[in-house]
Amino acid sequence: MFKLNESLIDRALRVILGAAVLSFAFVGPQTPLGYLGLILIVTGIIGWCPIYMALGLSTSHKKNNE
């Protein structure tokens, strides 16, 4: 479907950072902007970032990734 454009480290950092940002919706400032963390979590899980694709970037080291 989409070619992976995120490295394993990039994906792990997105999931961790996404979880931290998402926590702001429930604890701390309890702001609805915390739900933006879901975007980071989803892109980290699937390994594909639409912004990277639009800019022609990739952190993945594989040549023929699928």
C-alpha atoms as a PDB file:
ATOM      1  CA  MET A   1       0.000   0.000   0.000  1.00  0.00           C
ATOM      2  CA  PHE A   2       2.500   2.640   1.177  1.00  0.00           C
ATOM      3  CA  LYS A   3       6.268   2.389   1.197  1.00  0.00           C
ATOM      4  CA  LEU A   4       7.827   2.688   4.621  1.00  0.00           C
ATOM      5  CA  ASN A   5       9.589   6.010   5.025  1.00  0.00           C
ATOM      6  CA  GLU A   6      10.458   5.876   8.738  1.00  0.00           C
ATOM      7  CA  SER A   7      13.346   4.069  10.381  1.00  0.00           C
ATOM      8  CA  LEU A   8      12.826   1.859  13.409  1.00  0.00           C
ATOM      9  CA  ILE A   9      14.263   4.526  15.711  1.00  0.00           C
ATOM     10  CA  ASP A  10      12.029   7.195  14.156  1.00  0.00           C
ATOM     11  CA  ARG A  11       8.995   4.970  14.649  1.00  0.00           C
ATOM     12  CA  ALA A  12       9.837   4.219  18.286  1.00  0.00           C
ATOM     13  CA  LEU A  13      10.388   7.896  19.063  1.00  0.00           C
ATOM     14  CA  ARG A  14       7.066   8.815  17.425  1.00  0.00           C
ATOM     15  CA  VAL A  15       5.163   6.287  19.526  1.00  0.00           C
ATOM     16  CA  ILE A  16       6.859   7.389  22.763  1.00  0.00           C
ATOM     17  CA  LEU A  17       6.449  11.107  22.028  1.00  0.00           C
ATOM     18  CA  GLY A  18       2.880  10.536  20.840  1.00  0.00           C
ATOM     19  CA  ALA A  19       1.998   8.798  24.095  1.00  0.00           C
ATOM     20  CA  ALA A  20       3.506  11.687  26.064  1.00  0.00           C
ATOM     21  CA  VAL A  21       1.569  14.288  24.041  1.00  0.00           C
ATOM     22  CA  LEU A  22      -1.623  12.238  24.289  1.00  0.00           C
ATOM     23  CA  SER A  23      -1.267  12.177  28.076  1.00  0.00           C
ATOM     24  CA  PHE A  24      -1.793  15.964  28.047  1.00  0.00           C
ATOM     25  CA  ALA A  25      -5.419  15.308  27.128  1.00  0.00           C
ATOM     26  CA  PHE A  26      -5.955  13.412  30.382  1.00  0.00           C
ATOM     27  CA  VAL A  27      -3.430  14.696  32.939  1.00  0.00           C
ATOM     28  CA  GLY A  28      -1.558  17.948  33.386  1.00  0.00           C
ATOM     29  CA  PRO A  29      -3.088  20.779  31.388  1.00  0.00           C
ATOM     30  CA  GLN A  30      -5.919  18.513  30.090  1.00  0.00           C
ATOM     31  CA  THR A  31      -5.974  20.245  26.729  1.00  0.00           C
ATOM     32  CA  PRO A  32      -7.714  18.800  23.656  1.00  0.00           C
ATOM     33  CA  LEU A  33      -4.499  19.474  21.710  1.00  0.00           C
ATOM     34  CA  GLY A  34      -3.155  16.373  23.436  1.00  0.00           C
ATOM     35  CA  TYR A  35      -5.146  14.280  20.957  1.00  0.00           C
ATOM     36  CA  LEU A  36      -2.622  15.314  18.302  1.00  0.00           C
ATOM     37  CA  GLY A  37      -0.440  12.646  19.886  1.00  0.00           C
ATOM     38  CA  LEU A  38      -2.638  10.080  18.160  1.00  0.00           C
ATOM     39  CA  ILE A  39      -1.203  11.194  14.817  1.00  0.00           C
ATOM     40  CA  LEU A  40       2.321  10.456  16.025  1.00  0.00           C
ATOM     41  CA  ILE A  41       1.290   7.098  17.439  1.00  0.00           C
ATOM     42  CA  VAL A  42      -0.482   6.007  14.244  1.00  0.00           C
ATOM     43  CA  THR A  43       2.336   7.109  11.917  1.00  0.00           C
ATOM     44  CA  GLY A  44       4.841   5.386  14.202  1.00  0.00           C
ATOM     45  CA  ILE A  45       2.891   2.142  14.137  1.00  0.00           C
ATOM     46  CA  ILE A  46       2.355   2.033  10.379  1.00  0.00           C
ATOM     47  CA  GLY A  47       5.835   3.379   9.524  1.00  0.00           C
ATOM     48  CA  TRP A  48       4.626   5.863   6.939  1.00  0.00           C
ATOM     49  CA  CYS A  49       4.481   9.639   7.286  1.00  0.00           C
ATOM     50  CA  PRO A  50       2.518  11.683   4.723  1.00  0.00           C
ATOM     51  CA  ILE A  51       4.610  14.789   5.454  1.00  0.00           C
ATOM     52  CA  TYR A  52       7.815  12.877   4.719  1.00  0.00           C
ATOM     53  CA  MET A  53       6.260  11.667   1.463  1.00  0.00           C
ATOM     54  CA  ALA A  54       5.206  15.180   0.419  1.00  0.00           C
ATOM     55  CA  LEU A  55       8.696  16.514   1.109  1.00  0.00           C
ATOM     56  CA  GLY A  56      10.439  13.525  -0.476  1.00  0.00           C
ATOM     57  CA  LEU A  57      12.149  12.579   2.789  1.00  0.00           C
ATOM     58  CA  SER A  58      12.802   9.179   4.290  1.00  0.00           C
ATOM     59  CA  THR A  59      14.602   8.012   7.424  1.00  0.00           C
ATOM     60  CA  SER A  60      14.294   4.385   6.368  1.00  0.00           C
ATOM     61  CA  HIS A  61      17.574   2.789   5.375  1.00  0.00           C
ATOM     62  CA  LYS A  62      16.048   0.125   3.137  1.00  0.00           C
ATOM     63  CA  LYS A  63      16.234   0.559  -0.635  1.00  0.00           C
ATOM     64  CA  ASN A  64      13.222  -1.593  -1.597  1.00  0.00           C
ATOM     65  CA  ASN A  65      10.879  -1.182   1.341  1.00  0.00           C
ATOM     66  CA  GLU A  66       7.214  -2.000   1.109  1.00  0.00           C
END
